[in-house]
Amino acid sequence: FDVLQAEDDFTRFFLYECYKMPSDFTAHQQTEHYLTWRETVQDWMAEKRIGVKHNSIFPDDQSE
């Protein structure tokens, strides 16, 4: 995953992760480190976390 910080508001961050299959993301959400992270940062949020799903167009699935 990547962590980005907004240039115009240093208190806003954007985290994004890439998975090949939707099931890969679902499996990730069940890992111990994810569950620990989610619980740890919950009180750090100024507003509720939101998930915005995207489709990858580049690089394509054939690229390694």
PDB file of N, CA and C in Angstrom:
ATOM      1  N   PHE A   1       0.828  -1.184   0.000  1.00  0.00           N
ATOM      2  CA  PHE A   1       0.000   0.000   0.000  1.00  0.00           C
ATOM      3  C   PHE A   1       0.867   1.239   0.000  1.00  0.00           C
ATOM      4  N   ASP A   2       0.280   2.336  -0.390  1.00  0.00           N
ATOM      5  CA  ASP A   2       0.949   3.637  -0.367  1.00  0.00           C
ATOM      6  C   ASP A   2       0.185   4.559   0.575  1.00  0.00           C
ATOM      7  N   VAL A   3       0.905   5.450   1.212  1.00  0.00           N
ATOM      8  CA  VAL A   3       0.313   6.449   2.097  1.00  0.00           C
ATOM      9  C   VAL A   3       0.662   7.819   1.515  1.00  0.00           C
ATOM     10  N   LEU A   4      -0.359   8.608   1.199  1.00  0.00           N
ATOM     11  CA  LEU A   4      -0.166   9.930   0.620  1.00  0.00           C
ATOM     12  C   LEU A   4      -0.701  10.975   1.594  1.00  0.00           C
ATOM     13  N   GLN A   5      -0.041  12.138   1.618  1.00  0.00           N
ATOM     14  CA  GLN A   5      -0.475  13.250   2.452  1.00  0.00           C
ATOM     15  C   GLN A   5      -0.884  14.395   1.532  1.00  0.00           C
ATOM     16  N   ALA A   6      -2.025  15.005   1.828  1.00  0.00           N
ATOM     17  CA  ALA A   6      -2.517  16.106   1.004  1.00  0.00           C
ATOM     18  C   ALA A   6      -1.561  17.289   1.067  1.00  0.00           C
ATOM     19  N   GLU A   7      -1.280  17.895  -0.065  1.00  0.00           N
ATOM     20  CA  GLU A   7      -0.401  19.071  -0.107  1.00  0.00           C
ATOM     21  C   GLU A   7      -1.044  20.285   0.552  1.00  0.00           C
ATOM     22  N   ASP A   8      -2.363  20.405   0.450  1.00  0.00           N
ATOM     23  CA  ASP A   8      -3.039  21.597   0.969  1.00  0.00           C
ATOM     24  C   ASP A   8      -3.583  21.427   2.392  1.00  0.00           C
ATOM     25  N   ASP A   9      -3.467  20.218   2.964  1.00  0.00           N
ATOM     26  CA  ASP A   9      -3.949  19.966   4.323  1.00  0.00           C
ATOM     27  C   ASP A   9      -3.159  18.804   4.897  1.00  0.00           C
ATOM     28  N   PHE A  10      -2.119  19.125   5.660  1.00  0.00           N
ATOM     29  CA  PHE A  10      -1.210  18.087   6.143  1.00  0.00           C
ATOM     30  C   PHE A  10      -1.874  17.108   7.112  1.00  0.00           C
ATOM     31  N   THR A  11      -3.128  17.375   7.511  1.00  0.00           N
ATOM     32  CA  THR A  11      -3.837  16.457   8.407  1.00  0.00           C
ATOM     33  C   THR A  11      -4.663  15.431   7.647  1.00  0.00           C
ATOM     34  N   ARG A  12      -4.655  15.492   6.311  1.00  0.00           N
ATOM     35  CA  ARG A  12      -5.441  14.552   5.500  1.00  0.00           C
ATOM     36  C   ARG A  12      -4.505  13.586   4.787  1.00  0.00           C
ATOM     37  N   PHE A  13      -4.855  12.314   4.872  1.00  0.00           N
ATOM     38  CA  PHE A  13      -4.049  11.253   4.287  1.00  0.00           C
ATOM     39  C   PHE A  13      -4.915  10.368   3.409  1.00  0.00           C
ATOM     40  N   PHE A  14      -4.273   9.741   2.445  1.00  0.00           N
ATOM     41  CA  PHE A  14      -4.937   8.808   1.543  1.00  0.00           C
ATOM     42  C   PHE A  14      -4.087   7.549   1.499  1.00  0.00           C
ATOM     43  N   LEU A  15      -4.660   6.435   1.878  1.00  0.00           N
ATOM     44  CA  LEU A  15      -3.978   5.148   1.811  1.00  0.00           C
ATOM     45  C   LEU A  15      -4.627   4.347   0.703  1.00  0.00           C
ATOM     46  N   TYR A  16      -3.795   3.727  -0.132  1.00  0.00           N
ATOM     47  CA  TYR A  16      -4.395   2.848  -1.116  1.00  0.00           C
ATOM     48  C   TYR A  16      -3.599   1.570  -1.248  1.00  0.00           C
ATOM     49  N   GLU A  17      -4.348   0.511  -1.548  1.00  0.00           N
ATOM     50  CA  GLU A  17      -3.782  -0.821  -1.688  1.00  0.00           C
ATOM     51  C   GLU A  17      -4.273  -1.412  -3.001  1.00  0.00           C
ATOM     52  N   CYS A  18      -3.474  -2.274  -3.578  1.00  0.00           N
ATOM     53  CA  CYS A  18      -3.850  -2.914  -4.834  1.00  0.00           C
ATOM     54  C   CYS A  18      -3.883  -4.423  -4.631  1.00  0.00           C
ATOM     55  N   TYR A  19      -4.936  -5.030  -5.094  1.00  0.00           N
ATOM     56  CA  TYR A  19      -5.102  -6.477  -5.007  1.00  0.00           C
ATOM     57  C   TYR A  19      -5.517  -6.993  -6.376  1.00  0.00           C
ATOM     58  N   LYS A  20      -5.077  -8.201  -6.709  1.00  0.00           N
ATOM     59  CA  LYS A  20      -5.435  -8.775  -8.009  1.00  0.00           C
ATOM     60  C   LYS A  20      -6.891  -9.211  -8.053  1.00  0.00           C
ATOM     61  N   MET A  21      -7.389  -9.753  -6.937  1.00  0.00           N
ATOM     62  CA  MET A  21      -8.751 -10.279  -6.892  1.00  0.00           C
ATOM     63  C   MET A  21      -9.479  -9.696  -5.686  1.00  0.00           C
ATOM     64  N   PRO A  22     -10.789  -9.462  -5.792  1.00  0.00           N
ATOM     65  CA  PRO A  22     -11.545  -8.990  -4.631  1.00  0.00           C
ATOM     66  C   PRO A  22     -11.369  -9.899  -3.407  1.00  0.00           C
ATOM     67  N   SER A  23     -11.233 -11.188  -3.647  1.00  0.00           N
ATOM     68  CA  SER A  23     -11.049 -12.127  -2.533  1.00  0.00           C
ATOM     69  C   SER A  23      -9.720 -11.899  -1.812  1.00  0.00           C
ATOM     70  N   ASP A  24      -8.724 -11.358  -2.507  1.00  0.00           N
ATOM     71  CA  ASP A  24      -7.440 -11.045  -1.864  1.00  0.00           C
ATOM     72  C   ASP A  24      -7.628  -9.943  -0.826  1.00  0.00           C
ATOM     73  N   PHE A  25      -8.435  -8.951  -1.136  1.00  0.00           N
ATOM     74  CA  PHE A  25      -8.707  -7.873  -0.196  1.00  0.00           C
ATOM     75  C   PHE A  25      -9.489  -8.405   1.012  1.00  0.00           C
ATOM     76  N   THR A  26     -10.486  -9.219   0.748  1.00  0.00           N
ATOM     77  CA  THR A  26     -11.281  -9.806   1.826  1.00  0.00           C
ATOM     78  C   THR A  26     -10.392 -10.624   2.760  1.00  0.00           C
ATOM     79  N   ALA A  27      -9.486 -11.404   2.203  1.00  0.00           N
ATOM     80  CA  ALA A  27      -8.560 -12.190   3.022  1.00  0.00           C
ATOM     81  C   ALA A  27      -7.653 -11.283   3.841  1.00  0.00           C
ATOM     82  N   HIS A  28      -7.195 -10.183   3.242  1.00  0.00           N
ATOM     83  CA  HIS A  28      -6.334  -9.232   3.948  1.00  0.00           C
ATOM     84  C   HIS A  28      -7.051  -8.669   5.176  1.00  0.00           C
ATOM     85  N   GLN A  29      -8.336  -8.410   5.049  1.00  0.00           N
ATOM     86  CA  GLN A  29      -9.096  -7.834   6.158  1.00  0.00           C
ATOM     87  C   GLN A  29      -9.241  -8.792   7.343  1.00  0.00           C
ATOM     88  N   GLN A  30      -8.876 -10.043   7.161  1.00  0.00           N
ATOM     89  CA  GLN A  30      -8.964 -11.023   8.239  1.00  0.00           C
ATOM     90  C   GLN A  30      -7.619 -11.272   8.919  1.00  0.00           C
ATOM     91  N   THR A  31      -6.554 -10.628   8.429  1.00  0.00           N
ATOM     92  CA  THR A  31      -5.229 -10.865   9.006  1.00  0.00           C
ATOM     93  C   THR A  31      -5.080 -10.142  10.344  1.00  0.00           C
ATOM     94  N   GLU A  32      -4.234 -10.688  11.190  1.00  0.00           N
ATOM     95  CA  GLU A  32      -4.017 -10.117  12.514  1.00  0.00           C
ATOM     96  C   GLU A  32      -3.482  -8.686  12.435  1.00  0.00           C
ATOM     97  N   HIS A  33      -2.520  -8.454  11.522  1.00  0.00           N
ATOM     98  CA  HIS A  33      -1.943  -7.108  11.459  1.00  0.00           C
ATOM     99  C   HIS A  33      -2.962  -6.072  10.981  1.00  0.00           C
ATOM    100  N   TYR A  34      -3.855  -6.452  10.071  1.00  0.00           N
ATOM    101  CA  TYR A  34      -4.890  -5.521   9.629  1.00  0.00           C
ATOM    102  C   TYR A  34      -5.858  -5.210  10.766  1.00  0.00           C
ATOM    103  N   LEU A  35      -6.310  -6.242  11.464  1.00  0.00           N
ATOM    104  CA  LEU A  35      -7.259  -6.036  12.558  1.00  0.00           C
ATOM    105  C   LEU A  35      -6.642  -5.185  13.667  1.00  0.00           C
ATOM    106  N   THR A  36      -5.363  -5.382  13.952  1.00  0.00           N
ATOM    107  CA  THR A  36      -4.671  -4.565  14.944  1.00  0.00           C
ATOM    108  C   THR A  36      -4.583  -3.123  14.468  1.00  0.00           C
ATOM    109  N   TRP A  37      -4.198  -2.925  13.209  1.00  0.00           N
ATOM    110  CA  TRP A  37      -4.102  -1.570  12.651  1.00  0.00           C
ATOM    111  C   TRP A  37      -5.448  -0.867  12.726  1.00  0.00           C
ATOM    112  N   ARG A  38      -6.506  -1.551  12.288  1.00  0.00           N
ATOM    113  CA  ARG A  38      -7.843  -0.943  12.253  1.00  0.00           C
ATOM    114  C   ARG A  38      -8.278  -0.489  13.647  1.00  0.00           C
ATOM    115  N   GLU A  39      -8.042  -1.315  14.632  1.00  0.00           N
ATOM    116  CA  GLU A  39      -8.411  -0.962  16.001  1.00  0.00           C
ATOM    117  C   GLU A  39      -7.531   0.178  16.536  1.00  0.00           C
ATOM    118  N   THR A  40      -6.239   0.138  16.221  1.00  0.00           N
ATOM    119  CA  THR A  40      -5.302   1.149  16.718  1.00  0.00           C
ATOM    120  C   THR A  40      -5.630   2.540  16.203  1.00  0.00           C
ATOM    121  N   VAL A  41      -5.939   2.664  14.932  1.00  0.00           N
ATOM    122  CA  VAL A  41      -6.133   3.994  14.328  1.00  0.00           C
ATOM    123  C   VAL A  41      -7.564   4.515  14.415  1.00  0.00           C
ATOM    124  N   GLN A  42      -8.467   3.711  14.902  1.00  0.00           N
ATOM    125  CA  GLN A  42      -9.876   4.109  14.930  1.00  0.00           C
ATOM    126  C   GLN A  42     -10.080   5.460  15.609  1.00  0.00           C
ATOM    127  N   ASP A  43      -9.449   5.692  16.737  1.00  0.00           N
ATOM    128  CA  ASP A  43      -9.622   6.950  17.458  1.00  0.00           C
ATOM    129  C   ASP A  43      -8.819   8.105  16.861  1.00  0.00           C
ATOM    130  N   TRP A  44      -7.955   7.820  15.905  1.00  0.00           N
ATOM    131  CA  TRP A  44      -7.157   8.869  15.271  1.00  0.00           C
ATOM    132  C   TRP A  44      -7.936   9.608  14.183  1.00  0.00           C
ATOM    133  N   MET A  45      -9.026   9.032  13.749  1.00  0.00           N
ATOM    134  CA  MET A  45      -9.758   9.551  12.611  1.00  0.00           C
ATOM    135  C   MET A  45     -10.610  10.758  12.992  1.00  0.00           C
ATOM    136  N   ALA A  46     -10.475  11.839  12.241  1.00  0.00           N
ATOM    137  CA  ALA A  46     -11.318  13.016  12.446  1.00  0.00           C
ATOM    138  C   ALA A  46     -12.730  12.749  11.923  1.00  0.00           C
ATOM    139  N   GLU A  47     -12.821  11.859  10.953  1.00  0.00           N
ATOM    140  CA  GLU A  47     -14.116  11.444  10.424  1.00  0.00           C
ATOM    141  C   GLU A  47     -14.017   9.971  10.069  1.00  0.00           C
ATOM    142  N   LYS A  48     -15.143   9.339   9.900  1.00  0.00           N
ATOM    143  CA  LYS A  48     -15.196   7.909   9.624  1.00  0.00           C
ATOM    144  C   LYS A  48     -14.419   7.559   8.348  1.00  0.00           C
ATOM    145  N   ARG A  49     -13.683   6.445   8.421  1.00  0.00           N
ATOM    146  CA  ARG A  49     -12.986   5.963   7.220  1.00  0.00           C
ATOM    147  C   ARG A  49     -14.013   5.588   6.170  1.00  0.00           C
ATOM    148  N   ILE A  50     -13.671   5.852   4.907  1.00  0.00           N
ATOM    149  CA  ILE A  50     -14.523   5.422   3.802  1.00  0.00           C
ATOM    150  C   ILE A  50     -13.676   4.654   2.806  1.00  0.00           C
ATOM    151  N   GLY A  51     -14.270   3.701   2.184  1.00  0.00           N
ATOM    152  CA  GLY A  51     -13.598   2.939   1.139  1.00  0.00           C
ATOM    153  C   GLY A  51     -14.158   3.332  -0.214  1.00  0.00           C
ATOM    154  N   VAL A  52     -13.287   3.640  -1.129  1.00  0.00           N
ATOM    155  CA  VAL A  52     -13.703   3.988  -2.486  1.00  0.00           C
ATOM    156  C   VAL A  52     -13.020   2.986  -3.409  1.00  0.00           C
ATOM    157  N   LYS A  53     -13.800   2.155  -4.051  1.00  0.00           N
ATOM    158  CA  LYS A  53     -13.240   1.098  -4.898  1.00  0.00           C
ATOM    159  C   LYS A  53     -12.974   1.628  -6.305  1.00  0.00           C
ATOM    160  N   HIS A  54     -11.857   1.189  -6.866  1.00  0.00           N
ATOM    161  CA  HIS A  54     -11.444   1.585  -8.212  1.00  0.00           C
ATOM    162  C   HIS A  54     -11.061   0.335  -8.996  1.00  0.00           C
ATOM    163  N   ASN A  55     -11.026   0.456 -10.291  1.00  0.00           N
ATOM    164  CA  ASN A  55     -10.541  -0.608 -11.166  1.00  0.00           C
ATOM    165  C   ASN A  55      -9.193  -0.190 -11.725  1.00  0.00           C
ATOM    166  N   SER A  56      -8.257  -1.107 -11.703  1.00  0.00           N
ATOM    167  CA  SER A  56      -6.922  -0.819 -12.225  1.00  0.00           C
ATOM    168  C   SER A  56      -6.944  -0.876 -13.751  1.00  0.00           C
ATOM    169  N   ILE A  57      -6.367   0.137 -14.384  1.00  0.00           N
ATOM    170  CA  ILE A  57      -6.272   0.119 -15.844  1.00  0.00           C
ATOM    171  C   ILE A  57      -4.833   0.130 -16.326  1.00  0.00           C
ATOM    172  N   PHE A  58      -3.905   0.510 -15.419  1.00  0.00           N
ATOM    173  CA  PHE A  58      -2.488   0.482 -15.771  1.00  0.00           C
ATOM    174  C   PHE A  58      -1.680   0.347 -14.503  1.00  0.00           C
ATOM    175  N   PRO A  59      -0.775  -0.530 -14.414  1.00  0.00           N
ATOM    176  CA  PRO A  59      -0.472  -1.542 -15.445  1.00  0.00           C
ATOM    177  C   PRO A  59      -1.558  -2.605 -15.490  1.00  0.00           C
ATOM    178  N   ASP A  60      -1.637  -3.301 -16.598  1.00  0.00           N
ATOM    179  CA  ASP A  60      -2.653  -4.325 -16.712  1.00  0.00           C
ATOM    180  C   ASP A  60      -2.243  -5.567 -15.921  1.00  0.00           C
ATOM    181  N   ASP A  61      -3.151  -6.524 -15.838  1.00  0.00           N
ATOM    182  CA  ASP A  61      -2.906  -7.741 -15.040  1.00  0.00           C
ATOM    183  C   ASP A  61      -1.747  -8.572 -15.570  1.00  0.00           C
ATOM    184  N   GLN A  62      -1.354  -8.382 -16.815  1.00  0.00           N
ATOM    185  CA  GLN A  62      -0.274  -9.172 -17.393  1.00  0.00           C
ATOM    186  C   GLN A  62       1.099  -8.650 -16.985  1.00  0.00           C
ATOM    187  N   SER A  63       1.143  -7.415 -16.519  1.00  0.00           N
ATOM    188  CA  SER A  63       2.429  -6.812 -16.118  1.00  0.00           C
ATOM    189  C   SER A  63       2.833  -7.340 -14.751  1.00  0.00           C
ATOM    190  N   GLU A  64       4.100  -7.581 -14.591  1.00  0.00           N
ATOM    191  CA  GLU A  64       4.606  -8.063 -13.294  1.00  0.00           C
ATOM    192  C   GLU A  64       5.599  -7.098 -12.741  1.00  0.00           C
TER     193      GLU A  64
END
